[in-house]
Protein backbone atom coordinates (compact mmCIF):
# COMPACT_ATOMS: atom_id res chain seq x y z
CA UNK A 1 0.00 0.00 0.00
CA UNK A 2 1.27 3.47 -0.82
CA UNK A 3 1.92 5.82 2.12
CA UNK A 4 -0.67 8.37 1.11
CA UNK A 5 -3.43 5.82 0.50
CA UNK A 6 -2.91 4.40 3.98
CA UNK A 7 -2.68 7.83 5.60
CA UNK A 8 -5.76 9.05 3.75
CA UNK A 9 -7.79 6.11 4.99
CA UNK A 10 -6.49 6.55 8.52
CA UNK A 11 -7.13 10.30 8.55
CA UNK A 12 -10.67 9.83 7.25
CA UNK A 13 -11.36 7.75 10.36
CA UNK A 14 -9.34 9.89 12.75
CA UNK A 15 -11.95 10.99 15.24
CA UNK A 16 -14.38 8.12 15.41
CA UNK A 17 -16.60 8.58 18.41
CA UNK A 18 -17.04 5.66 20.76
CA UNK A 19 -20.08 4.19 22.39
CA UNK A 20 -20.41 2.97 25.97
CA UNK A 21 -18.07 0.07 26.62
CA UNK A 22 -18.69 -3.37 28.07
CA UNK A 23 -17.02 -5.93 30.26
CA UNK A 24 -14.84 -8.98 30.08
CA UNK A 25 -14.00 -11.20 32.99
CA UNK A 26 -17.45 -11.30 34.50
CA UNK A 27 -19.19 -14.64 33.90
CA UNK A 28 -21.38 -13.32 31.09
CA UNK A 29 -18.43 -11.73 29.31
CA UNK A 30 -16.32 -14.87 29.46
CA UNK A 31 -18.98 -16.79 27.59
CA UNK A 32 -19.94 -13.90 25.33
CA UNK A 33 -17.40 -11.26 24.31
CA UNK A 34 -14.21 -13.31 24.77
CA UNK A 35 -15.39 -16.77 23.75
CA UNK A 36 -12.06 -18.40 22.88
CA UNK A 37 -10.39 -21.22 24.78
CA UNK A 38 -8.30 -20.25 27.80
CA UNK A 39 -4.56 -20.14 27.09
CA UNK A 40 -1.62 -19.04 29.26
CA UNK A 41 0.00 -15.71 28.39
CA UNK A 42 3.48 -14.41 29.21
CA UNK A 43 5.42 -11.51 27.65
CA UNK A 44 8.63 -13.54 27.57
CA UNK A 45 6.77 -16.17 25.60
CA UNK A 46 5.51 -13.48 23.21
CA UNK A 47 9.08 -12.25 22.71
CA UNK A 48 10.20 -15.79 21.90
CA UNK A 49 7.27 -16.18 19.50
CA UNK A 50 8.21 -12.99 17.65
CA UNK A 51 11.86 -14.02 17.41
CA UNK A 52 10.95 -17.48 16.11
CA UNK A 53 8.56 -15.91 13.60
CA UNK A 54 11.43 -13.80 12.24
CA UNK A 55 13.25 -17.00 11.29
CA UNK A 56 10.39 -18.11 9.06
CA UNK A 57 9.23 -16.76 5.66
CA UNK A 58 6.69 -13.96 5.85
CA UNK A 59 3.08 -14.96 5.27
CA UNK A 60 0.71 -12.22 4.11
CA UNK A 61 -2.47 -12.73 6.17
CA UNK A 62 -4.47 -9.85 4.67
CA UNK A 63 -7.89 -11.06 3.60
CA UNK A 64 -9.89 -10.64 0.43
CA UNK A 65 -12.90 -8.93 1.93
CA UNK A 66 -16.46 -9.54 0.76
CA UNK A 67 -17.63 -6.84 -1.67
CA UNK A 68 -19.90 -5.22 0.88
CA UNK A 69 -16.81 -4.37 2.98
CA UNK A 70 -14.19 -3.88 0.28
CA UNK A 71 -16.23 -1.29 -1.62
CA UNK A 72 -17.56 0.69 1.33
CA UNK A 73 -16.97 4.44 1.75
CA UNK A 74 -15.46 6.07 4.86
CA UNK A 75 -18.95 7.22 5.79
CA UNK A 76 -20.23 3.63 5.68
CA UNK A 77 -17.23 2.45 7.70
CA UNK A 78 -17.92 5.10 10.35
CA UNK A 79 -21.57 4.03 10.45
CA UNK A 80 -20.64 0.53 11.69
CA UNK A 81 -20.88 0.84 15.46
CA UNK A 82 -19.61 -1.64 18.00
CA UNK A 83 -22.39 -2.95 20.23
CA UNK A 84 -21.85 -1.45 23.72
CA UNK A 85 -23.25 -4.60 25.32
CA UNK A 86 -20.14 -6.45 24.12
CA UNK A 87 -17.45 -3.91 25.05
CA UNK A 88 -14.46 -5.59 26.63
CA UNK A 89 -14.74 -4.33 30.22
CA UNK A 90 -18.41 -3.31 30.45
CA UNK A 91 -19.17 -5.58 33.38
CA UNK A 92 -16.24 -4.10 35.27
CA UNK A 93 -18.12 -0.78 35.40
CA UNK A 94 -14.80 0.90 35.97
CA UNK A 95 -12.80 3.86 34.69
CA UNK A 96 -11.79 2.30 31.36
CA UNK A 97 -13.27 0.31 28.51
CA UNK A 98 -12.33 -1.02 25.06
CA UNK A 99 -14.18 -1.55 21.79
CA UNK A 100 -13.04 -2.88 18.42
CA UNK A 101 -12.97 -1.58 14.85
CA UNK A 102 -14.54 -3.56 12.02
CA UNK A 103 -12.51 -4.63 8.98
CA UNK A 104 -13.32 -2.83 5.73
CA UNK A 105 -12.04 -0.52 2.97
CA UNK A 106 -8.22 -0.52 3.08
CA UNK A 107 -8.21 -2.15 6.51
CA UNK A 108 -7.87 -5.76 5.31
CA UNK A 109 -5.39 -7.03 7.90
CA UNK A 110 -7.29 -9.20 10.40
CA UNK A 111 -6.14 -8.35 13.92
CA UNK A 112 -6.78 -10.91 16.65
CA UNK A 113 -7.86 -9.65 20.07
CA UNK A 114 -7.48 -11.34 23.47
CA UNK A 115 -8.36 -10.49 27.04
CA UNK A 116 -6.07 -11.48 29.92
CA UNK A 117 -7.16 -12.30 33.46
CA UNK A 118 -4.36 -10.67 35.54
CA UNK A 119 -4.88 -13.15 38.40
CA UNK A 120 -4.52 -16.38 36.39
CA UNK A 121 -2.60 -14.95 33.39
CA UNK A 122 -5.00 -16.86 31.16
CA UNK A 123 -6.12 -15.23 27.94
CA UNK A 124 -9.23 -15.77 25.83
CA UNK A 125 -9.67 -14.61 22.26
CA UNK A 126 -12.48 -12.31 21.18
CA UNK A 127 -13.67 -13.86 17.92
CA UNK A 128 -15.36 -11.72 15.31
CA UNK A 129 -19.04 -12.31 14.70
CA UNK A 130 -21.65 -9.92 13.27
CA UNK A 131 -23.64 -9.70 16.53
CA UNK A 132 -20.79 -7.65 18.05
CA UNK A 133 -21.67 -4.73 15.74
CA UNK A 134 -24.62 -2.56 14.74
CA UNK A 135 -24.94 -2.25 10.94
CA UNK A 136 -28.28 -0.45 10.76
CA UNK A 137 -27.22 2.69 8.81
CA UNK A 138 -24.04 1.32 7.19
CA UNK A 139 -25.52 -0.39 4.14
CA UNK A 140 -23.49 -3.53 4.88
CA UNK A 141 -24.97 -6.81 3.63
CA UNK A 142 -24.54 -8.90 6.79
CA UNK A 143 -25.25 -12.10 4.83
CA UNK A 144 -21.82 -11.67 3.19
CA UNK A 145 -19.97 -11.69 6.53
CA UNK A 146 -18.85 -15.30 6.73
CA UNK A 147 -16.29 -16.75 9.11
CA UNK A 148 -13.94 -15.06 11.57
CA UNK A 149 -12.92 -11.87 9.74
CA UNK A 150 -11.02 -10.51 12.73
CA UNK A 151 -10.92 -6.82 13.65
CA UNK A 152 -8.91 -3.89 12.27
CA UNK A 153 -8.04 -2.19 15.55
CA UNK A 154 -9.45 -0.92 18.83
CA UNK A 155 -10.27 2.22 20.77
CA UNK A 156 -10.18 2.88 24.51
CA UNK A 157 -12.51 5.05 26.60
CA UNK A 158 -12.24 6.72 29.99
CA UNK A 159 -14.69 8.13 32.52
CA UNK A 160 -16.40 10.58 32.73
CA UNK A 161 -16.74 10.50 28.92
CA UNK A 162 -16.93 6.75 28.56
CA UNK A 163 -20.16 7.16 26.60
CA UNK A 164 -18.95 10.05 24.42
CA UNK A 165 -15.53 9.69 22.79
CA UNK A 166 -12.40 7.55 22.82
CA UNK A 167 -8.99 8.73 24.00
CA UNK A 168 -6.68 6.04 22.54
CA UNK A 169 -6.99 4.47 19.10
CA UNK A 170 -4.96 1.78 17.28
CA UNK A 171 -6.02 1.45 13.63
CA UNK A 172 -4.22 0.55 10.41
CA UNK A 173 -0.75 -1.06 10.10
CA UNK A 174 0.96 -0.17 13.41
CA UNK A 175 -0.52 3.34 13.72
CA UNK A 176 -1.91 4.59 17.02
CA UNK A 177 -2.91 7.90 18.59
CA UNK A 178 -3.99 9.42 21.89
CA UNK A 179 -5.41 12.71 23.12
CA UNK A 180 -4.67 15.18 25.88
CA UNK A 181 -7.25 16.97 28.04
CA UNK A 182 -8.84 18.64 24.99
CA UNK A 183 -10.06 15.29 23.68
CA UNK A 184 -8.76 16.21 20.21
CA UNK A 185 -6.74 13.74 18.16
CA UNK A 186 -3.79 15.09 16.18
CA UNK A 187 -0.55 13.48 15.08
CA UNK A 188 0.02 9.70 15.04
CA UNK A 189 2.68 7.28 16.26
CA UNK A 190 3.64 3.88 14.89
CA UNK A 191 5.16 0.72 16.23
CA UNK A 192 7.86 0.61 13.55
CA UNK A 193 8.87 2.24 10.25
CA UNK A 194 10.93 0.47 7.57
CA UNK A 195 12.69 2.13 4.62
CA UNK A 196 10.76 5.39 4.85
CA UNK A 197 13.38 7.16 2.74
CA UNK A 198 15.72 4.47 1.46
CA UNK A 199 15.43 4.57 -2.33
CA UNK A 200 12.51 2.16 -2.61
CA UNK A 201 8.95 1.56 -1.43
CA UNK A 202 8.26 2.06 2.25
CA UNK A 203 7.19 -0.98 4.25
CA UNK A 204 4.35 -0.70 6.78
CA UNK A 205 4.55 -3.40 9.49
CA UNK A 206 1.26 -4.53 11.03
CA UNK A 207 0.18 -5.12 14.57
CA UNK A 208 -1.53 -8.48 13.98
CA UNK A 209 -2.48 -9.50 17.51
CA UNK A 210 -3.28 -7.74 20.82
CA UNK A 211 -3.66 -8.93 24.41
CA UNK A 212 -5.41 -6.71 27.00
CA UNK A 213 -4.85 -7.07 30.75
CA UNK A 214 -8.08 -6.39 32.60
CA UNK A 215 -7.41 -3.33 34.82
CA UNK A 216 -8.60 -2.76 38.36
CA UNK A 217 -12.01 -1.13 38.49
CA UNK A 218 -10.70 2.24 39.72
CA UNK A 219 -7.53 2.27 37.62
CA UNK A 220 -6.90 4.66 34.72
CA UNK A 221 -3.98 2.50 33.55
CA UNK A 222 -4.10 -0.58 31.39
CA UNK A 223 -1.44 -2.88 29.96
CA UNK A 224 -1.52 -4.00 26.35
CA UNK A 225 0.71 -6.45 24.47
CA UNK A 226 1.13 -6.59 20.71
CA UNK A 227 2.67 -8.86 18.07
CA UNK A 228 4.09 -7.06 15.02
CA UNK A 229 4.75 -8.73 11.66
CA UNK A 230 6.02 -7.63 8.25
CA UNK A 231 8.15 -8.95 5.38
CA UNK A 232 11.31 -7.51 6.98
CA UNK A 233 10.71 -7.63 10.74
CA UNK A 234 8.72 -8.94 13.67
CA UNK A 235 8.24 -7.48 17.12
CA UNK A 236 6.84 -8.04 20.61
CA UNK A 237 5.57 -4.88 22.34
CA UNK A 238 4.35 -4.07 25.83
CA UNK A 239 2.35 -0.85 26.28
CA UNK A 240 1.65 0.46 29.79
CA UNK A 241 -0.92 3.18 29.05
CA UNK A 242 -1.80 5.71 31.76
CA UNK A 243 -4.85 7.83 30.90
CA UNK A 244 -4.26 10.84 33.15
CA UNK A 245 -6.60 13.84 33.48
CA UNK A 246 -4.54 16.12 31.22
CA UNK A 247 -2.48 13.71 29.11
CA UNK A 248 -1.87 10.10 28.09
CA UNK A 249 1.51 8.55 28.94
CA UNK A 250 2.62 5.29 27.32
CA UNK A 251 5.57 3.28 28.64
CA UNK A 252 6.68 1.00 25.81
CA UNK A 253 9.03 -1.98 25.76
CA UNK A 254 9.72 -2.92 22.12
CA UNK A 255 11.63 -6.06 21.05
CA UNK A 256 12.29 -5.97 17.29
CA UNK A 257 13.73 -8.78 15.15
CA UNK A 258 14.95 -8.44 11.54
CA UNK A 259 13.83 -11.11 9.06
CA UNK A 260 16.16 -9.67 6.46
CA UNK A 261 18.59 -6.78 6.06
CA UNK A 262 16.91 -3.40 6.55
CA UNK A 263 18.41 -0.25 5.02
CA UNK A 264 16.57 2.16 7.29
CA UNK A 265 14.86 1.21 10.54
CA UNK A 266 12.57 3.73 12.21
CA UNK A 267 12.12 3.37 15.97
CA UNK A 268 9.13 5.13 17.58
CA UNK A 269 8.09 6.86 14.33
CA UNK A 270 5.60 9.71 14.48
CA UNK A 271 3.59 11.21 11.64
CA UNK A 272 2.09 14.69 11.49
CA UNK A 273 0.87 17.43 9.15
CA UNK A 274 2.33 20.86 8.42
CA UNK A 275 0.65 22.74 5.59
CA UNK A 276 1.45 26.36 6.40
CA UNK A 277 1.94 28.88 9.14
CA UNK A 278 4.35 31.40 10.60
CA UNK A 279 7.44 31.38 8.37
CA UNK A 280 5.84 29.16 5.68
CA UNK A 281 3.16 31.02 3.67
CA UNK A 282 3.31 29.19 0.33
CA UNK A 283 0.13 27.16 0.94
CA UNK A 284 -1.73 29.62 3.19
CA UNK A 285 -4.15 31.02 0.61
CA UNK A 286 -7.10 30.05 2.80
CA UNK A 287 -9.22 31.72 5.46
CA UNK A 288 -6.94 30.15 8.10
CA UNK A 289 -3.61 31.87 8.91
CA UNK A 290 -2.03 28.62 10.18
CA UNK A 291 -2.77 24.99 9.31
CA UNK A 292 -0.72 22.32 11.09
CA UNK A 293 -0.84 19.52 13.66
CA UNK A 294 2.75 20.31 14.69
CA UNK A 295 4.96 23.33 14.06
CA UNK A 296 8.42 22.10 15.07
CA UNK A 297 10.73 19.20 15.79
CA UNK A 298 12.21 19.62 19.25
CA UNK A 299 15.30 17.63 20.30
CA UNK A 300 17.10 17.30 23.64
CA UNK A 301 20.37 15.84 22.50
CA UNK A 302 22.56 13.41 24.38
CA UNK A 303 25.13 16.17 25.04
CA UNK A 304 22.44 18.31 26.71
CA UNK A 305 21.88 20.71 23.79
CA UNK A 306 18.32 21.73 23.05
CA UNK A 307 17.39 22.15 19.38
CA UNK A 308 14.32 23.69 17.71
CA UNK A 309 13.75 22.85 14.04
CA UNK A 310 10.66 24.59 12.53
CA UNK A 311 8.78 22.37 10.07
CA UNK A 312 8.36 23.04 6.37
CA UNK A 313 5.95 22.23 3.55
CA UNK A 314 8.62 21.96 0.85
CA UNK A 315 8.13 21.99 -2.90
CA UNK A 316 9.96 18.66 -3.11
CA UNK A 317 10.67 15.86 -0.66
CA UNK A 318 13.33 16.76 1.91
CA UNK A 319 15.14 14.42 4.28
CA UNK A 320 17.40 15.42 7.17
CA UNK A 321 19.26 13.26 9.68
CA UNK A 322 20.41 14.73 13.00
CA UNK A 323 23.15 12.50 14.43
CA UNK A 324 23.12 11.84 18.18
CA UNK A 325 24.24 9.44 20.88
CA UNK A 326 21.76 8.37 23.57
CA UNK A 327 19.28 11.22 23.03
CA UNK A 328 17.47 12.50 26.10
CA UNK A 329 14.27 13.09 24.15
CA UNK A 330 12.67 14.41 20.97
CA UNK A 331 9.23 15.06 19.59
CA UNK A 332 6.87 16.90 17.30
CA UNK A 333 5.45 19.90 19.11
CA UNK A 334 2.37 22.05 18.61
CA UNK A 335 3.76 25.03 20.52
CA UNK A 336 0.89 27.48 20.04
CA UNK A 337 -2.60 26.63 21.34
CA UNK A 338 -4.21 30.05 20.89
CA UNK A 339 -7.42 29.90 18.83
CA UNK A 340 -6.57 33.25 17.22
CA UNK A 341 -3.50 31.67 15.61
CA UNK A 342 -5.61 29.24 13.57
CA UNK A 343 -9.14 30.68 13.41
CA UNK A 344 -10.40 27.14 12.87
CA UNK A 345 -13.72 25.84 14.21
CA UNK A 346 -13.79 22.56 12.26
CA UNK A 347 -10.48 20.77 12.83
CA UNK A 348 -9.44 22.72 15.96
CA UNK A 349 -5.69 22.91 15.36
CA UNK A 350 -5.47 25.00 18.53
CA UNK A 351 -6.32 21.83 20.49
CA UNK A 352 -3.87 19.40 18.87
CA UNK A 353 -1.49 17.62 21.28
CA UNK A 354 2.28 17.38 21.03
CA UNK A 355 4.10 14.03 21.16
CA UNK A 356 7.35 13.62 23.10
CA UNK A 357 9.64 10.56 23.18
CA UNK A 358 11.72 9.85 26.29
CA UNK A 359 14.17 6.93 25.92
CA UNK A 360 14.36 4.81 29.08
CA UNK A 361 17.21 2.48 28.11
CA UNK A 362 20.49 2.87 26.23
CA UNK A 363 19.82 3.75 22.57
CA UNK A 364 23.44 4.24 21.55
CA UNK A 365 24.44 6.00 18.33
CA UNK A 366 22.00 6.91 15.62
CA UNK A 367 20.06 9.86 14.30
CA UNK A 368 16.72 11.60 14.59
CA UNK A 369 15.50 11.48 10.99
CA UNK A 370 13.01 13.98 9.57
CA UNK A 371 11.18 13.62 6.25
CA UNK A 372 9.06 16.48 4.94
CA UNK A 373 6.73 15.87 1.99
CA UNK A 374 5.00 18.52 -0.12
CA UNK A 375 1.27 18.75 0.51
CA UNK A 376 -1.44 20.93 -0.98
CA UNK A 377 -3.66 20.90 2.08
CA UNK A 378 -4.50 19.51 5.46
CA UNK A 379 -5.96 16.08 4.63
CA UNK A 380 -2.64 14.26 4.21
CA UNK A 381 0.12 13.87 6.77
CA UNK A 382 3.44 15.04 5.32
CA UNK A 383 5.85 14.99 8.28
CA UNK A 384 7.64 11.84 9.52
CA UNK A 385 10.15 11.65 12.40
CA UNK A 386 11.86 8.58 13.88
CA UNK A 387 15.05 7.31 15.53
CA UNK A 388 17.35 5.48 13.12
CA UNK A 389 20.04 3.34 14.83
CA UNK A 390 23.55 3.67 13.39
CA UNK A 391 24.31 -0.05 13.53
CA UNK A 392 23.69 -2.14 10.44
CA UNK A 393 20.47 -4.15 10.60
CA UNK A 394 21.11 -7.59 9.12
CA UNK A 395 18.92 -10.70 9.07
CA UNK A 396 18.73 -12.12 12.58
CA UNK A 397 19.43 -8.81 14.35
CA UNK A 398 17.39 -8.33 17.54
CA UNK A 399 16.97 -4.94 19.22
CA UNK A 400 15.30 -3.73 22.41
CA UNK A 401 14.10 -0.15 22.76
CA UNK A 402 12.33 1.14 25.86
CA UNK A 403 10.75 4.57 25.89
CA UNK A 404 7.85 6.70 27.06
CA UNK A 405 5.45 8.62 24.84
CA UNK A 406 3.80 11.74 26.26
CA UNK A 407 0.63 12.86 24.49
CA UNK A 408 0.14 16.33 25.98
CA UNK A 409 -0.22 19.98 25.02
CA UNK A 410 3.54 20.46 25.49
CA UNK A 411 6.47 18.14 26.28
CA UNK A 412 6.99 17.20 29.95
CA UNK A 413 10.44 18.82 29.93
CA UNK A 414 11.52 22.24 28.69
CA UNK A 415 14.97 23.82 28.30
CA UNK A 416 16.19 26.13 31.06
CA UNK A 417 17.49 28.35 28.25
CA UNK A 418 15.40 30.75 26.20
CA UNK A 419 13.08 28.98 23.75
CA UNK A 420 12.18 29.77 20.17
CA UNK A 421 8.77 31.41 20.28
CA UNK A 422 8.34 32.01 16.55
CA UNK A 423 10.15 32.14 13.22
CA UNK A 424 9.31 34.62 10.47
CA UNK A 425 10.75 35.34 7.05
CA UNK A 426 10.33 38.07 4.46
CA UNK A 427 12.13 40.38 2.05
CA UNK A 428 15.44 41.69 3.33
CA UNK A 429 18.24 44.05 2.43
CA UNK A 430 16.68 47.23 3.89
CA UNK A 431 16.61 48.93 7.29
CA UNK A 432 13.86 47.59 9.55
CA UNK A 433 11.08 50.16 9.72
CA UNK A 434 11.92 51.60 6.29
CA UNK A 435 9.21 51.16 3.69
CA UNK A 436 10.58 48.66 1.14
CA UNK A 437 7.75 49.50 -1.25
CA UNK A 438 9.20 53.00 -1.70
CA UNK A 439 12.90 52.18 -1.48
CA UNK A 440 13.61 48.66 -2.70
CA UNK A 441 17.18 47.54 -2.01
CA UNK A 442 19.48 47.09 -4.97
CA UNK A 443 20.56 43.59 -3.92
CA UNK A 444 18.08 40.77 -3.30
CA UNK A 445 18.17 39.30 0.23
CA UNK A 446 15.96 37.30 2.56
CA UNK A 447 15.32 38.40 6.15
CA UNK A 448 14.79 36.04 9.06
CA UNK A 449 13.39 36.92 12.48
CA UNK A 450 13.68 34.52 15.41
CA UNK A 451 11.79 35.39 18.60
CA UNK A 452 13.36 34.02 21.77
CA UNK A 453 11.60 34.07 25.14
CA UNK A 454 11.86 32.65 28.64
CA UNK A 455 14.80 31.28 30.58
CA UNK A 456 17.53 33.84 31.37
CA UNK A 457 15.85 36.45 29.13
CA UNK A 458 13.14 37.01 31.74
CA UNK A 459 15.63 38.86 33.95
CA UNK A 460 17.58 40.67 31.21
CA UNK A 461 17.15 44.36 30.47
CA UNK A 462 16.64 45.46 26.84
CA UNK A 463 19.90 47.40 27.07
CA UNK A 464 21.98 44.36 28.06
CA UNK A 465 24.33 43.17 25.34
CA UNK A 466 23.14 40.11 23.38
CA UNK A 467 24.82 38.61 20.32
CA UNK A 468 23.31 36.51 17.54
CA UNK A 469 25.49 33.68 16.21
CA UNK A 470 24.47 32.35 12.78
CA UNK A 471 26.06 29.84 10.41
CA UNK A 472 24.74 29.06 6.91
CA UNK A 473 25.60 26.12 4.67
CA UNK A 474 25.85 28.47 1.68
CA UNK A 475 25.53 32.15 0.92
CA UNK A 476 26.24 34.84 3.50
CA UNK A 477 24.36 35.74 6.69
CA UNK A 478 24.93 39.31 7.91
CA UNK A 479 23.28 42.51 9.22
CA UNK A 480 22.55 41.04 12.66
CA UNK A 481 20.21 42.92 15.01
CA UNK A 482 18.66 42.24 18.43
CA UNK A 483 15.36 43.95 19.30
CA UNK A 484 13.43 43.78 22.57
CA UNK A 485 9.92 42.35 22.23
CA UNK A 486 6.83 43.74 23.90
CA UNK A 487 7.19 43.85 27.73
CA UNK A 488 4.37 41.31 28.07
CA UNK A 489 6.39 38.79 26.04
CA UNK A 490 9.71 39.30 27.91
CA UNK A 491 11.94 38.28 25.09
CA UNK A 492 14.09 39.40 22.17
CA UNK A 493 13.88 39.25 18.39
CA UNK A 494 17.03 38.27 16.53
CA UNK A 495 17.22 39.50 12.92
CA UNK A 496 19.59 38.71 10.09
CA UNK A 497 19.63 38.89 6.30
CA UNK A 498 20.81 36.11 4.00
CA UNK A 499 22.46 36.97 0.68
CA UNK A 500 23.06 34.28 -1.97
CA UNK A 501 26.58 34.03 -3.37
CA UNK A 502 25.72 31.78 -6.33
CA UNK A 503 22.73 30.68 -8.41
CA UNK A 504 22.12 27.42 -6.54
CA UNK A 505 18.58 26.56 -5.48
CA UNK A 506 19.74 23.84 -3.08
CA UNK A 507 18.31 24.16 0.45
CA UNK A 508 20.29 26.38 2.82
CA UNK A 509 20.81 24.99 6.32
CA UNK A 510 20.89 27.63 9.07
CA UNK A 511 22.03 27.22 12.66
CA UNK A 512 21.63 30.04 15.18
CA UNK A 513 21.55 30.90 18.88
CA UNK A 514 21.94 33.97 21.07
CA UNK A 515 24.56 34.57 23.76
CA UNK A 516 25.53 37.24 26.24
CA UNK A 517 28.00 39.66 24.68
CA UNK A 518 30.06 40.18 27.81
CA UNK A 519 30.97 36.60 28.68
CA UNK A 520 29.72 34.63 25.61
CA UNK A 521 27.31 32.60 27.78
CA UNK A 522 24.77 30.76 25.61
CA UNK A 523 21.27 32.05 26.37
CA UNK A 524 19.00 30.04 24.06
CA UNK A 525 18.28 26.69 22.52
CA UNK A 526 19.71 26.15 19.04
CA UNK A 527 17.55 27.17 16.09
CA UNK A 528 17.88 25.01 12.97
CA UNK A 529 16.15 26.05 9.77
CA UNK A 530 16.03 24.91 6.16
CA UNK A 531 15.43 27.61 3.56
CA UNK A 532 14.66 27.01 -0.13
CA UNK A 533 16.04 29.91 -2.21
CA UNK A 534 14.10 30.88 -5.33
CA UNK A 535 15.49 30.52 -8.83
CA UNK A 536 17.91 33.31 -9.82
CA UNK A 537 15.37 34.93 -12.16
CA UNK A 538 12.98 35.35 -9.21
CA UNK A 539 15.55 37.02 -6.95
CA UNK A 540 14.30 40.53 -7.53
CA UNK A 541 11.87 42.98 -6.00
CA UNK A 542 8.81 44.43 -7.77
């Protein structure tokens, strides 16, 4: 399946609203919802199963769906509702519950579901049958639904909105998402990415089987296990998911095995959308001044350096790799949650969560890889970020990565230094405040403005000496200026102009930070930026 077909299907079903959930290990549920034979479950055994599976040829288990499911529209898929009387933990009448997604459209991979009794460690499978769903307004011909078709994913609910909307969703390949206190889905995570940008087709591994531990009645945490399978890799995953009042935190233990050599392995991949906003105006000819799920890649490097990389909607595919050793964390951040920034009452970009990765074991050498795809609008995700280990991945390689995912408005950690508040870009080569429309400069240039706020800047007077340090991969950066922002912001704007020195249209990589002039003390996180210069014939003013 092509990336955009899968993403389009997933996005169309992004915010499916749940129904009241139902129970599992009560007597009725044992005989009803989970009706499979009791089998022992152990995570070590699942790890061994995944490793053994990697030593065998891959078997594609995707089904040929009956026409009534294969030809359905997203609207028909959404209309299929899980019957609340068969929700996994209904009889528990607790804080959490789980329901399952039907197979259909592009979701042809049957996913097997199991419930685990935490006392006995026995699991029972939840077999698909039509009576688990309501088809009334879907147009589905139930007579065509023969045999155990499996499920395509699941969604989890939490009190007090257990009868309104879900807060965690796993659907399609190894994609999953969660919400913060706004209840608004945004960017997605995945279990694994393979060859995202490696000179060939990308491979999308599938979560093919899940096991759910029944939580305590009053708990907002639940533990989930997953088996991953694909032509190139297998994996055993443990998710400890804590549904807190203002965020969802997932502790993940991932054991990955390579079936064959893999050129590019993506650990804890995340996928988002950046169409336009702030510095990037190319696709902003809409009524909305900003359109994005995330506006920056934030990295807390292994050496302690904090980095801010604003996202782009490039005219052609761009790929960047940021080398590191044992990173402290990284993530895609939606830094601005002010409604006025977006003016959107349909998709509510002001409510989109950020996603932060915190490694909890030794990751070693590798890189945070960023791929940015061109997009004409907001319906297709075009941003991909993941950790790519430096070591060669050959057949038989086994890896263990432990990490936490924080789905929250902002990351759980922030730099003690000043942070990048905003990035802006426009015509340069003239004195700020001078009307360029009346006095165009003779030489074409591009101006960049970086607003820094917080940290040591809170206590600094506007008159105190601050220096801007900029490096550019090509061309010349000069005419540096530091301006104090409005007193309510308590920050400074760093300005510089970039002048091309040749006719190249290759991307220009900028790196910048501010420091105290007197003692050269670094005051801010590092700003990274990728600029796409226009063709030489367009480097002129009106």
